[in-house]
Amino acid sequence: MENEIQSTDYKTMSLDDLVSALNNLIAEKPIQDIKDEANAIRASFYLQHNEDVAKAKEAFINEGGNEIDFEYIQPIQITFKNLWKSYLDKKKEHHHKINKELENNLAKREAVIAAIKALVEKGDVSSAYKEFQQLQADWKEIGSVASDKYQEMWGNYHLYVEQFYDLLHMNNDLRAIDFKYNLEAKQQIVQKAKELLEHSDILFAFNELQLLHKIWKEETGPVAKEYREVIWQEFSEITNKIHQKRTAFANELKKEEEANYAKKLEKIEEIKNFNFSKNKSFGDWKKSIDAFEVLKDQFLAIGKIPKNKTGEVWNIFKEATKAFNHAKNEFFKEQKKSQSEALTQKQALIQEALDWKESTDFPAATETFKRIQAEWKKVGFVPRKQADALWNEFKAACDAYFDRLNNVKKEGTPEEQNSYEDKVQFLQELETSEISLDTYKKLIKNWLELGLVPTQKNKIDQEIQQVISKGIELPTDKVEAELIKYQLKIAYWYAIDSKKLYDEYDQLRKEIDATTKDLKQLENNLGFFSNSKKGNPLFDTVIKSIEKEKIKLKSAKNKMKYFRSLQK
């Protein structure tokens, strides 16, 4: 089992972030402690890099390239390779240093063994006891040796230590002192083991326990016979409990990893069934991409799974995302093509606007600008970087033309100036004329035939309308009176070329359609009163409503008739 649970999910990091993570790892941690993390970073880096290569290759082939000619070089990959080489060099240097230290430690331990052997062969252990203790202390200070040398070296050491103690038994005082010292050392080890038993981090406790066993074995000597089994039994029981906790922890971790495995498979199924079949527009794909990324993030956020299933799950995950990614790439490939066409169309409209912006043929130019403005709105999507610049250029050309047009409207064309003079004369004659129900229509016709005047002088049309309105004695019939007022209002709007005319026409058409529909419904309702006679309140109400709607429809149709007569 690993000593640490990896907390960083490198699969979610970008290539740049992975390079930075590896660089920081090499700079900040001992080279011997970063193997698992370094390998995880490398695996994540090449997983992403290989996907980028596959996408680039697919795009290259789709654009007509020959697969044999495909090349794909990322500067970030070169940077990563160089960084990985520096990691391997440092790792090699560290291993060389470790091997050298192991050789030196072996030589030192063999020297201690030789010195103890010499004391034993000398035979005078009582006088050599202090020297023996120093050799034991030296032994504890010496580091590890190569595993293939350990057993032989350890056996030789204990052989001569036991022989020394066998000789030492003749000096009970010295032997008792050494036993007491060793017992205290072993009791301290037991106490530390008890503390580890209560530690919240079971992996930390287990690793520390291994160190305690090493100290027990290599750095403490024998104790008095009556304590030997007791102290060892106590240490063994604590060891077993820590092992049991570690086993339980490992089982829980395994259950959690199995649960995560099931969750990842469920999330993959959700990704596989993600519906993007109705996507047509950029907005549709933007929403789908955001939603798809949420699913991917949820998948990646699920914790660790069993190591032997990691490759299988990652392959299934990639396969599940394949259909979506392919459809997305195809859409944006087509988008790129349509954007190119839209760019060409907008550039053509800009050129047309520039060609017409200085035109003096205002009717033709105005129609052209209305047309190209309408076409501009229908042209497809162009990337914002280009869209803003294109729009500013197009708008500037349109604004330049309409500014000229507005100035002309204010000042008026020569024809409009002549119309104004004619209307002044017409108004003078109108003020002395007799206006009646028989003549007002002809007067309106003569008025409108005089044409438009400069915008800033169209008050003359308002004055003409007022004179005609005041001169007519309206009939008592409300429908006829309303129609005459309407005719004067519409005539005035025609005289000044008001934009209200367009709204009025639509309003009239809607009113006729709605009234016709209501009238038909009311007449159908009469079928429910086939045996009814006058005097039935509900029947009378329907009859009155029908008459009212007929008058309303007639009025609207008369207005429409007059409206159309002015357009001839």
Protein backbone atom coordinates (compact mmCIF):
# COMPACT_ATOMS: atom_id res chain seq x y z
CA MET A 1 0.00 0.00 0.00
CA GLU A 2 1.16 3.53 -0.76
CA ASN A 3 2.47 5.59 2.13
CA GLU A 4 0.37 8.54 1.09
CA ILE A 5 -3.01 8.96 -0.53
CA GLN A 6 -2.56 11.07 -3.65
CA SER A 7 -4.77 14.16 -3.23
CA THR A 8 -3.99 16.05 -6.43
CA ASP A 9 -5.97 15.00 -9.50
CA TYR A 10 -3.49 15.76 -12.27
CA LYS A 11 -5.97 14.67 -14.98
CA THR A 12 -7.86 17.95 -14.49
CA MET A 13 -4.77 20.17 -15.00
CA SER A 14 -3.64 21.83 -18.24
CA LEU A 15 -0.33 20.97 -19.92
CA ASP A 16 1.22 24.22 -18.69
CA ASP A 17 0.06 23.53 -15.13
CA LEU A 18 1.46 19.98 -15.28
CA VAL A 19 4.88 21.31 -16.33
CA SER A 20 4.73 23.82 -13.49
CA ALA A 21 3.68 21.09 -11.01
CA LEU A 22 6.59 18.82 -12.01
CA ASN A 23 9.05 21.72 -11.84
CA ASN A 24 7.87 22.65 -8.31
CA LEU A 25 7.96 19.00 -7.25
CA ILE A 26 11.60 18.61 -8.33
CA ALA A 27 12.60 21.93 -6.74
CA GLU A 28 10.80 21.58 -3.41
CA LYS A 29 10.82 17.87 -2.45
CA PRO A 30 13.54 15.24 -2.02
CA ILE A 31 14.02 13.39 -5.30
CA GLN A 32 13.49 10.02 -3.61
CA ASP A 33 10.01 11.02 -2.35
CA ILE A 34 8.34 12.13 -5.58
CA LYS A 35 8.34 8.98 -7.73
CA ASP A 36 4.56 8.34 -7.59
CA GLU A 37 3.61 12.00 -8.10
CA ALA A 38 6.12 12.47 -10.92
CA ASN A 39 4.82 9.37 -12.72
CA ALA A 40 1.21 10.55 -12.27
CA ILE A 41 2.08 13.95 -13.77
CA ARG A 42 3.86 12.32 -16.71
CA ALA A 43 0.92 9.98 -17.39
CA SER A 44 -1.56 12.89 -17.31
CA PHE A 45 0.66 15.04 -19.53
CA TYR A 46 1.01 12.45 -22.29
CA LEU A 47 -2.64 11.48 -22.04
CA GLN A 48 -3.63 15.06 -22.88
CA HIS A 49 -0.81 15.53 -25.37
CA ASN A 50 -1.75 12.37 -27.27
CA GLU A 51 -5.38 13.54 -27.45
CA ASP A 52 -4.20 16.89 -28.88
CA VAL A 53 -2.09 15.03 -31.46
CA ALA A 54 -5.07 12.83 -32.43
CA LYS A 55 -7.34 15.87 -32.88
CA ALA A 56 -4.73 17.75 -34.89
CA LYS A 57 -4.14 14.70 -37.09
CA GLU A 58 -7.87 14.24 -37.69
CA ALA A 59 -8.24 17.93 -38.62
CA PHE A 60 -5.20 17.70 -40.92
CA ILE A 61 -6.63 14.69 -42.76
CA ASN A 62 -10.14 16.23 -42.93
CA GLU A 63 -8.66 19.31 -44.58
CA GLY A 64 -7.16 17.13 -47.34
CA GLY A 65 -3.71 16.44 -45.88
CA ASN A 66 -1.84 13.16 -46.42
CA GLU A 67 -1.39 11.21 -43.19
CA ILE A 68 2.26 10.48 -44.01
CA ASP A 69 2.97 14.23 -44.13
CA PHE A 70 1.44 14.97 -40.72
CA GLU A 71 3.70 16.64 -38.14
CA TYR A 72 2.72 18.06 -34.79
CA ILE A 73 5.19 19.70 -32.44
CA GLN A 74 4.23 21.47 -29.25
CA PRO A 75 6.86 23.65 -27.51
CA ILE A 76 5.33 22.59 -24.18
CA GLN A 77 6.21 18.95 -24.97
CA ILE A 78 9.88 19.86 -25.51
CA THR A 79 9.86 21.75 -22.21
CA PHE A 80 8.35 18.74 -20.46
CA LYS A 81 10.88 16.33 -22.00
CA ASN A 82 13.79 18.47 -20.82
CA LEU A 83 12.28 18.73 -17.35
CA TRP A 84 11.71 14.96 -17.19
CA LYS A 85 15.32 14.36 -18.24
CA SER A 86 16.53 16.59 -15.41
CA TYR A 87 14.33 14.54 -13.02
CA LEU A 88 15.86 11.27 -14.26
CA ASP A 89 19.38 12.70 -13.99
CA LYS A 90 18.78 13.77 -10.39
CA LYS A 91 17.20 10.41 -9.62
CA LYS A 92 20.24 8.62 -11.08
CA GLU A 93 22.58 10.87 -9.11
CA HIS A 94 20.60 10.15 -5.93
CA HIS A 95 20.76 6.38 -6.48
CA HIS A 96 24.50 6.60 -7.06
CA LYS A 97 24.85 8.53 -3.83
CA ILE A 98 22.68 6.00 -1.95
CA ASN A 99 24.75 3.06 -3.25
CA LYS A 100 27.92 4.82 -2.14
CA GLU A 101 26.45 5.40 1.32
CA LEU A 102 25.36 1.76 1.55
CA GLU A 103 28.91 0.63 0.75
CA ASN A 104 30.36 3.02 3.34
CA ASN A 105 27.83 1.87 5.95
CA LEU A 106 28.69 -1.76 5.26
CA ALA A 107 32.38 -1.03 5.77
CA LYS A 108 31.64 0.78 9.05
CA ARG A 109 29.44 -2.05 10.34
CA GLU A 110 32.04 -4.65 9.41
CA ALA A 111 34.59 -2.59 11.32
CA VAL A 112 32.34 -2.61 14.43
CA ILE A 113 31.83 -6.38 14.10
CA ALA A 114 35.60 -6.87 13.81
CA ALA A 115 36.18 -4.73 16.92
CA ILE A 116 33.61 -6.71 18.99
CA LYS A 117 35.15 -9.95 17.72
CA ALA A 118 38.56 -8.69 18.88
CA LEU A 119 37.12 -7.94 22.37
CA VAL A 120 35.69 -11.46 22.58
CA GLU A 121 38.99 -13.04 21.48
CA LYS A 122 40.82 -10.91 24.02
CA GLY A 123 38.69 -12.50 26.75
CA ASP A 124 38.90 -9.67 29.33
CA VAL A 125 35.34 -8.43 28.86
CA SER A 126 35.08 -6.69 32.21
CA SER A 127 37.74 -4.13 31.33
CA ALA A 128 36.41 -3.87 27.78
CA TYR A 129 32.74 -3.25 28.74
CA LYS A 130 32.85 0.52 28.16
CA GLU A 131 34.51 -0.03 24.81
CA PHE A 132 31.78 -2.59 23.97
CA GLN A 133 29.05 -0.09 24.86
CA GLN A 134 30.67 2.52 22.62
CA LEU A 135 30.80 0.01 19.75
CA GLN A 136 27.06 -0.66 20.25
CA ALA A 137 26.39 3.08 20.19
CA ASP A 138 28.46 3.40 17.01
CA TRP A 139 26.48 0.54 15.47
CA LYS A 140 23.18 2.40 16.09
CA GLU A 141 24.50 5.53 14.40
CA ILE A 142 25.49 3.74 11.21
CA GLY A 143 22.90 3.91 8.38
CA SER A 144 21.40 1.13 6.27
CA VAL A 145 23.28 -1.37 4.11
CA ALA A 146 22.35 -3.13 0.85
CA SER A 147 19.57 -5.71 1.37
CA ASP A 148 21.66 -8.56 -0.08
CA LYS A 149 24.35 -7.92 2.58
CA TYR A 150 21.98 -7.35 5.50
CA GLN A 151 21.32 -10.89 6.76
CA GLU A 152 24.97 -11.99 6.75
CA MET A 153 26.12 -8.75 8.38
CA TRP A 154 23.35 -8.90 11.01
CA GLY A 155 24.10 -12.54 11.81
CA ASN A 156 27.82 -11.83 12.37
CA TYR A 157 27.05 -8.87 14.61
CA HIS A 158 24.69 -10.84 16.85
CA LEU A 159 27.07 -13.81 16.94
CA TYR A 160 29.84 -11.74 18.53
CA VAL A 161 27.47 -9.69 20.72
CA GLU A 162 26.05 -12.91 22.19
CA GLN A 163 29.58 -14.32 22.68
CA PHE A 164 30.54 -11.12 24.49
CA TYR A 165 27.46 -11.44 26.75
CA ASP A 166 28.27 -15.08 27.38
CA LEU A 167 31.66 -13.98 28.68
CA LEU A 168 30.06 -11.09 30.49
CA HIS A 169 27.80 -13.29 32.67
CA MET A 170 30.78 -13.78 35.01
CA ASN A 171 30.49 -10.07 35.86
CA ASN A 172 26.93 -9.82 37.20
CA ASP A 173 27.12 -6.12 38.00
CA LEU A 174 28.01 -5.12 34.48
CA ARG A 175 25.46 -7.54 33.07
CA ALA A 176 22.69 -6.17 35.32
CA ILE A 177 23.48 -2.59 34.28
CA ASP A 178 23.31 -3.52 30.59
CA PHE A 179 20.06 -5.48 31.04
CA LYS A 180 18.47 -2.52 32.85
CA TYR A 181 19.54 -0.10 30.14
CA ASN A 182 18.16 -2.40 27.41
CA LEU A 183 14.87 -2.87 29.30
CA GLU A 184 14.36 0.89 29.58
CA ALA A 185 15.05 1.27 25.86
CA LYS A 186 12.51 -1.46 25.00
CA GLN A 187 9.93 0.05 27.38
CA GLN A 188 10.30 3.39 25.58
CA ILE A 189 9.67 1.60 22.28
CA VAL A 190 6.53 -0.01 23.74
CA GLN A 191 5.30 3.38 24.96
CA LYS A 192 5.78 4.92 21.53
CA ALA A 193 3.94 1.97 19.99
CA LYS A 194 0.99 2.62 22.37
CA GLU A 195 0.89 6.25 21.20
CA LEU A 196 0.87 5.11 17.57
CA LEU A 197 -2.07 2.80 18.35
CA GLU A 198 -4.14 5.90 19.18
CA HIS A 199 -2.90 7.96 16.22
CA SER A 200 -5.64 9.11 13.80
CA ASP A 201 -3.47 8.54 10.70
CA ILE A 202 -3.23 4.76 10.48
CA LEU A 203 -0.78 4.82 7.55
CA PHE A 204 1.56 7.11 9.45
CA ALA A 205 1.26 4.85 12.53
CA PHE A 206 2.05 1.73 10.48
CA ASN A 207 5.16 3.28 8.90
CA GLU A 208 6.41 4.52 12.26
CA LEU A 209 5.84 1.05 13.71
CA GLN A 210 8.25 -0.40 11.13
CA LEU A 211 10.93 2.00 12.40
CA LEU A 212 10.28 0.93 15.99
CA HIS A 213 10.73 -2.71 15.02
CA LYS A 214 14.00 -1.85 13.33
CA ILE A 215 15.22 -0.04 16.45
CA TRP A 216 14.08 -2.99 18.62
CA LYS A 217 16.00 -5.40 16.45
CA GLU A 218 19.12 -3.41 15.64
CA GLU A 219 19.62 -0.88 18.41
CA THR A 220 18.59 -2.59 21.66
CA GLY A 221 20.30 -5.48 23.34
CA PRO A 222 18.94 -8.34 25.46
CA VAL A 223 17.12 -7.92 28.79
CA ALA A 224 16.96 -10.14 31.89
CA LYS A 225 15.32 -13.48 31.24
CA GLU A 226 12.32 -12.79 33.50
CA TYR A 227 11.40 -9.69 31.40
CA ARG A 228 12.32 -11.00 28.00
CA GLU A 229 9.04 -12.73 27.06
CA VAL A 230 6.81 -10.19 28.86
CA ILE A 231 8.20 -7.11 27.11
CA TRP A 232 8.20 -8.81 23.74
CA GLN A 233 4.63 -10.05 24.20
CA GLU A 234 3.43 -6.52 25.05
CA PHE A 235 5.13 -5.08 21.97
CA SER A 236 3.75 -7.90 19.78
CA GLU A 237 0.15 -7.32 20.95
CA ILE A 238 0.34 -3.62 20.14
CA THR A 239 1.88 -4.48 16.77
CA ASN A 240 -0.99 -6.87 16.01
CA LYS A 241 -3.60 -4.23 16.90
CA ILE A 242 -1.97 -1.67 14.61
CA HIS A 243 -1.84 -4.30 11.85
CA GLN A 244 -5.55 -5.00 12.41
CA LYS A 245 -6.40 -1.29 12.18
CA ARG A 246 -4.35 -1.01 9.00
CA THR A 247 -6.13 -4.05 7.52
CA ALA A 248 -9.53 -2.57 8.43
CA PHE A 249 -8.50 0.76 6.92
CA ALA A 250 -7.31 -0.99 3.76
CA ASN A 251 -10.63 -2.85 3.52
CA GLU A 252 -12.61 0.39 3.92
CA LEU A 253 -10.41 2.06 1.34
CA LYS A 254 -10.99 -0.86 -1.01
CA LYS A 255 -14.78 -0.58 -0.50
CA GLU A 256 -14.59 3.16 -1.16
CA GLU A 257 -12.54 2.59 -4.31
CA GLU A 258 -15.04 -0.05 -5.50
CA ALA A 259 -17.89 2.38 -4.82
CA ASN A 260 -16.04 5.09 -6.74
CA TYR A 261 -15.55 2.61 -9.58
CA ALA A 262 -19.31 2.06 -9.74
CA LYS A 263 -19.94 5.82 -9.60
CA LYS A 264 -17.51 6.44 -12.44
CA LEU A 265 -19.21 3.80 -14.59
CA GLU A 266 -22.61 5.42 -13.85
CA LYS A 267 -21.25 8.85 -14.78
CA ILE A 268 -19.74 7.42 -17.98
CA GLU A 269 -23.15 5.99 -18.88
CA GLU A 270 -24.65 9.45 -18.30
CA ILE A 271 -21.98 10.96 -20.55
CA LYS A 272 -22.58 8.30 -23.20
CA ASN A 273 -26.34 9.07 -23.21
CA PHE A 274 -25.85 12.85 -23.30
CA ASN A 275 -28.27 14.12 -25.97
CA PHE A 276 -26.93 16.70 -28.41
CA SER A 277 -28.90 15.55 -31.46
CA LYS A 278 -31.05 18.71 -31.61
CA ASN A 279 -28.12 21.12 -31.64
CA LYS A 280 -28.33 23.45 -34.63
CA SER A 281 -26.86 26.79 -33.59
CA PHE A 282 -23.74 28.07 -31.89
CA GLY A 283 -25.88 28.84 -28.82
CA ASP A 284 -27.13 25.24 -28.71
CA TRP A 285 -23.56 23.91 -28.81
CA LYS A 286 -22.38 26.43 -26.23
CA LYS A 287 -25.03 25.17 -23.77
CA SER A 288 -24.21 21.53 -24.58
CA ILE A 289 -20.47 22.07 -24.18
CA ASP A 290 -20.97 23.73 -20.78
CA ALA A 291 -23.28 20.92 -19.64
CA PHE A 292 -20.90 18.25 -21.00
CA GLU A 293 -17.95 19.83 -19.19
CA VAL A 294 -19.94 19.68 -15.94
CA LEU A 295 -20.41 15.92 -16.47
CA LYS A 296 -16.69 15.47 -17.19
CA ASP A 297 -15.75 17.49 -14.10
CA GLN A 298 -18.11 15.38 -12.01
CA PHE A 299 -16.46 12.23 -13.40
CA LEU A 300 -12.97 13.51 -12.62
CA ALA A 301 -14.03 14.66 -9.14
CA ILE A 302 -14.97 11.12 -8.12
CA GLY A 303 -12.25 9.72 -5.86
CA LYS A 304 -9.70 6.95 -6.43
CA ILE A 305 -10.65 3.57 -7.85
CA PRO A 306 -8.77 0.24 -7.74
CA LYS A 307 -5.45 0.59 -9.61
CA ASN A 308 -6.09 -2.45 -11.77
CA LYS A 309 -9.25 -0.79 -13.14
CA THR A 310 -7.86 2.68 -13.85
CA GLY A 311 -6.85 1.95 -17.45
CA GLU A 312 -10.14 0.23 -18.22
CA VAL A 313 -12.23 3.14 -16.84
CA TRP A 314 -10.18 5.79 -18.61
CA ASN A 315 -10.54 3.98 -21.95
CA ILE A 316 -14.31 3.65 -21.50
CA PHE A 317 -14.49 7.34 -20.55
CA LYS A 318 -12.61 8.41 -23.68
CA GLU A 319 -14.84 6.21 -25.84
CA ALA A 320 -17.95 7.74 -24.23
CA THR A 321 -16.81 11.28 -25.07
CA LYS A 322 -15.78 10.38 -28.62
CA ALA A 323 -19.18 10.84 -30.30
CA PHE A 324 -19.80 14.22 -28.66
CA ASN A 325 -16.32 15.52 -29.45
CA HIS A 326 -16.57 14.38 -33.07
CA ALA A 327 -19.96 16.05 -33.57
CA LYS A 328 -18.73 19.20 -31.86
CA ASN A 329 -15.61 19.35 -34.05
CA GLU A 330 -17.68 18.81 -37.20
CA PHE A 331 -20.07 21.59 -36.21
CA PHE A 332 -17.29 24.10 -35.54
CA LYS A 333 -15.59 23.07 -38.76
CA GLU A 334 -18.81 23.96 -40.62
CA GLN A 335 -19.12 27.09 -38.47
CA LYS A 336 -15.68 28.16 -39.56
CA LYS A 337 -16.70 27.69 -43.19
CA SER A 338 -19.98 29.60 -42.76
CA GLN A 339 -18.16 32.34 -40.84
CA SER A 340 -15.80 32.73 -43.79
CA GLU A 341 -18.79 33.06 -46.12
CA ALA A 342 -20.49 35.54 -43.75
CA LEU A 343 -17.28 37.57 -43.64
CA THR A 344 -17.21 37.77 -47.45
CA GLN A 345 -20.89 38.80 -47.55
CA LYS A 346 -20.41 41.55 -44.97
CA GLN A 347 -17.36 42.89 -46.77
CA ALA A 348 -19.44 43.02 -50.00
CA LEU A 349 -22.22 44.94 -48.19
CA ILE A 350 -19.65 47.39 -46.80
CA GLN A 351 -18.32 47.99 -50.30
CA GLU A 352 -21.85 48.59 -51.58
CA ALA A 353 -22.47 51.08 -48.75
CA LEU A 354 -19.24 52.90 -49.59
CA ASP A 355 -20.22 53.03 -53.28
CA TRP A 356 -23.62 54.62 -52.49
CA LYS A 357 -22.84 56.87 -49.52
CA GLU A 358 -22.05 59.94 -51.73
CA SER A 359 -24.91 59.34 -54.18
CA THR A 360 -27.24 62.25 -55.03
CA ASP A 361 -29.95 59.89 -56.28
CA PHE A 362 -31.61 59.89 -52.87
CA PRO A 363 -34.64 57.70 -53.64
CA ALA A 364 -32.47 54.95 -55.17
CA ALA A 365 -29.74 55.35 -52.54
CA THR A 366 -32.25 55.22 -49.67
CA GLU A 367 -33.79 52.02 -51.03
CA THR A 368 -30.30 50.54 -51.43
CA PHE A 369 -29.33 51.37 -47.85
CA LYS A 370 -32.59 49.95 -46.50
CA ARG A 371 -31.96 46.76 -48.46
CA ILE A 372 -28.32 46.29 -47.41
CA GLN A 373 -29.17 47.06 -43.78
CA ALA A 374 -31.83 44.33 -43.87
CA GLU A 375 -29.39 41.93 -45.55
CA TRP A 376 -26.72 42.73 -42.94
CA LYS A 377 -29.04 41.48 -40.19
CA LYS A 378 -29.57 38.20 -42.04
CA VAL A 379 -25.87 37.47 -42.62
CA GLY A 380 -24.52 34.69 -40.41
CA PHE A 381 -22.20 34.81 -37.42
CA VAL A 382 -18.74 36.38 -37.65
CA PRO A 383 -16.21 36.13 -34.77
CA ARG A 384 -16.48 39.11 -32.42
CA LYS A 385 -12.93 40.34 -33.14
CA GLN A 386 -13.82 40.88 -36.80
CA ALA A 387 -17.53 41.57 -36.25
CA ASP A 388 -16.93 44.78 -34.28
CA ALA A 389 -14.53 46.22 -36.86
CA LEU A 390 -16.84 45.28 -39.77
CA TRP A 391 -19.88 46.74 -38.05
CA ASN A 392 -18.10 50.00 -37.26
CA GLU A 393 -17.06 50.38 -40.91
CA PHE A 394 -20.55 49.52 -42.21
CA LYS A 395 -22.28 51.78 -39.68
CA ALA A 396 -19.96 54.68 -40.52
CA ALA A 397 -20.88 54.44 -44.23
CA CYS A 398 -24.62 54.21 -43.45
CA ASP A 399 -24.47 57.08 -40.97
CA ALA A 400 -22.59 59.25 -43.47
CA TYR A 401 -25.31 58.74 -46.08
CA PHE A 402 -28.28 59.27 -43.74
CA ASP A 403 -26.65 62.38 -42.25
CA ARG A 404 -26.49 63.79 -45.79
CA LEU A 405 -30.08 62.70 -46.39
CA ASN A 406 -31.31 64.37 -43.19
CA ASN A 407 -29.55 67.60 -44.10
CA VAL A 408 -31.22 67.52 -47.51
CA LYS A 409 -34.60 66.86 -45.89
CA LYS A 410 -34.17 69.83 -43.58
CA GLU A 411 -33.04 72.16 -46.32
CA GLY A 412 -35.27 70.52 -48.91
CA THR A 413 -34.69 69.71 -52.53
CA PRO A 414 -35.52 72.28 -55.25
CA GLU A 415 -38.70 70.28 -55.96
CA GLU A 416 -39.70 70.46 -52.27
CA GLN A 417 -39.06 74.22 -52.22
CA ASN A 418 -41.38 74.62 -55.23
CA SER A 419 -43.98 72.44 -53.48
CA TYR A 420 -43.81 74.69 -50.45
CA GLU A 421 -44.44 77.82 -52.54
CA ASP A 422 -47.37 76.06 -54.26
CA LYS A 423 -48.85 75.06 -50.88
CA VAL A 424 -48.56 78.61 -49.57
CA GLN A 425 -50.58 79.79 -52.56
CA PHE A 426 -53.02 76.84 -52.12
CA LEU A 427 -53.55 77.81 -48.46
CA GLN A 428 -54.28 81.44 -49.39
CA GLU A 429 -56.88 80.33 -51.93
CA LEU A 430 -58.34 77.78 -49.48
CA GLU A 431 -58.93 80.42 -46.84
CA THR A 432 -61.26 82.32 -49.20
CA SER A 433 -62.95 79.23 -50.65
CA GLU A 434 -66.21 77.62 -49.61
CA ILE A 435 -65.61 74.16 -48.21
CA SER A 436 -68.43 71.62 -48.08
CA LEU A 437 -69.06 67.90 -47.91
CA ASP A 438 -69.19 67.90 -51.69
CA THR A 439 -65.86 69.68 -52.27
CA TYR A 440 -63.55 68.61 -49.44
CA LYS A 441 -62.42 65.38 -51.13
CA LYS A 442 -61.31 67.25 -54.26
CA LEU A 443 -59.48 69.80 -52.08
CA ILE A 444 -57.66 66.99 -50.28
CA LYS A 445 -56.70 65.45 -53.62
CA ASN A 446 -55.34 68.81 -54.91
CA TRP A 447 -53.43 69.28 -51.67
CA LEU A 448 -51.72 65.90 -51.82
CA GLU A 449 -50.84 66.32 -55.52
CA LEU A 450 -48.64 69.29 -54.57
CA GLY A 451 -46.07 66.81 -53.12
CA LEU A 452 -43.70 67.01 -50.14
CA VAL A 453 -42.14 70.15 -48.64
CA PRO A 454 -38.87 70.49 -46.66
CA THR A 455 -39.20 68.82 -43.23
CA GLN A 456 -38.67 72.05 -41.35
CA LYS A 457 -41.50 73.70 -43.28
CA ASN A 458 -44.18 71.01 -43.05
CA LYS A 459 -46.19 73.19 -40.68
CA ILE A 460 -47.89 74.43 -43.84
CA ASP A 461 -49.56 70.99 -44.16
CA GLN A 462 -50.90 71.22 -40.63
CA GLU A 463 -52.39 74.66 -41.43
CA ILE A 464 -54.03 73.32 -44.60
CA GLN A 465 -55.54 70.42 -42.66
CA GLN A 466 -56.93 72.78 -40.01
CA VAL A 467 -58.51 75.10 -42.56
CA ILE A 468 -60.26 72.20 -44.35
CA SER A 469 -61.35 70.69 -41.00
CA LYS A 470 -62.85 73.96 -39.74
CA GLY A 471 -64.54 74.66 -43.07
CA ILE A 472 -66.54 71.40 -43.14
CA GLU A 473 -69.82 71.18 -41.33
CA LEU A 474 -69.77 67.56 -40.16
CA PRO A 475 -72.87 65.40 -40.76
CA THR A 476 -75.01 64.23 -37.87
CA ASP A 477 -74.32 60.60 -38.72
CA LYS A 478 -71.56 59.58 -36.35
CA VAL A 479 -70.06 57.00 -38.74
CA GLU A 480 -69.82 59.52 -41.57
CA ALA A 481 -68.46 62.22 -39.28
CA GLU A 482 -65.83 59.85 -37.91
CA LEU A 483 -64.80 58.88 -41.47
CA ILE A 484 -64.31 62.53 -42.51
CA LYS A 485 -62.10 63.19 -39.47
CA TYR A 486 -60.14 60.04 -40.28
CA GLN A 487 -59.69 61.09 -43.91
CA LEU A 488 -58.25 64.45 -42.85
CA LYS A 489 -55.85 62.78 -40.41
CA ILE A 490 -54.64 60.25 -43.00
CA ALA A 491 -54.32 62.95 -45.67
CA TYR A 492 -52.09 64.97 -43.34
CA TRP A 493 -49.86 61.95 -42.68
CA TYR A 494 -49.56 61.39 -46.43
CA ALA A 495 -48.72 65.05 -46.95
CA ILE A 496 -45.74 64.86 -44.56
CA ASP A 497 -44.82 61.24 -45.44
CA SER A 498 -45.31 60.12 -41.83
CA LYS A 499 -44.10 56.72 -40.69
CA LYS A 500 -47.40 56.39 -38.80
CA LEU A 501 -49.01 55.33 -42.08
CA TYR A 502 -47.40 51.88 -41.89
CA ASP A 503 -48.66 51.26 -38.36
CA GLU A 504 -52.10 52.59 -39.25
CA TYR A 505 -52.46 50.19 -42.16
CA ASP A 506 -51.52 47.20 -39.98
CA GLN A 507 -53.89 48.37 -37.24
CA LEU A 508 -56.79 48.69 -39.69
CA ARG A 509 -56.18 45.25 -41.15
CA LYS A 510 -56.07 43.67 -37.67
CA GLU A 511 -59.26 45.53 -36.66
CA ILE A 512 -61.16 44.28 -39.74
CA ASP A 513 -59.99 40.68 -39.14
CA ALA A 514 -60.87 40.76 -35.43
CA THR A 515 -64.28 42.40 -35.97
CA THR A 516 -65.15 39.95 -38.76
CA LYS A 517 -64.27 37.05 -36.47
CA ASP A 518 -66.30 38.48 -33.55
CA LEU A 519 -69.30 39.16 -35.80
CA LYS A 520 -69.22 35.60 -37.16
CA GLN A 521 -69.11 34.23 -33.62
CA LEU A 522 -72.08 36.36 -32.56
CA GLU A 523 -74.11 35.29 -35.60
CA ASN A 524 -73.30 31.64 -34.82
CA ASN A 525 -74.56 32.27 -31.29
CA LEU A 526 -77.99 33.17 -32.67
CA GLY A 527 -78.43 29.47 -33.45
CA PHE A 528 -78.95 28.90 -29.75
CA PHE A 529 -82.00 31.21 -29.83
CA SER A 530 -83.91 29.62 -32.77
CA ASN A 531 -87.21 29.67 -30.84
CA SER A 532 -86.59 32.93 -29.04
CA LYS A 533 -88.51 36.11 -29.64
CA LYS A 534 -87.85 39.71 -28.83
CA GLY A 535 -88.14 40.37 -25.17
CA ASN A 536 -85.61 37.73 -24.21
CA PRO A 537 -82.85 39.84 -22.53
CA LEU A 538 -80.01 37.57 -23.62
CA PHE A 539 -81.31 37.38 -27.21
CA ASP A 540 -81.67 41.17 -27.35
CA THR A 541 -78.12 41.61 -26.07
CA VAL A 542 -76.71 39.41 -28.85
CA ILE A 543 -78.75 41.31 -31.51
CA LYS A 544 -77.43 44.65 -30.22
CA SER A 545 -73.86 43.33 -30.18
CA ILE A 546 -74.21 42.17 -33.80
CA GLU A 547 -75.48 45.59 -34.92
CA LYS A 548 -72.67 47.28 -33.04
CA GLU A 549 -70.02 45.02 -34.64
CA LYS A 550 -71.52 45.58 -38.11
CA ILE A 551 -71.24 49.34 -37.69
CA LYS A 552 -67.67 48.91 -36.41
CA LEU A 553 -66.77 46.68 -39.39
CA LYS A 554 -68.35 49.04 -41.89
CA SER A 555 -66.41 51.98 -40.41
CA ALA A 556 -63.13 50.06 -40.56
CA LYS A 557 -63.73 48.97 -44.15
CA ASN A 558 -64.56 52.54 -45.23
CA LYS A 559 -61.31 53.69 -43.66
CA MET A 560 -59.40 50.94 -45.44
CA LYS A 561 -61.08 51.84 -48.74
CA TYR A 562 -60.05 55.47 -48.33
CA PHE A 563 -56.54 54.47 -47.26
CA ARG A 564 -56.08 52.40 -50.43
CA SER A 565 -57.51 55.12 -52.64
CA LEU A 566 -54.67 57.40 -51.61
CA GLN A 567 -52.12 54.79 -52.66
CA LYS A 568 -53.33 54.71 -56.29
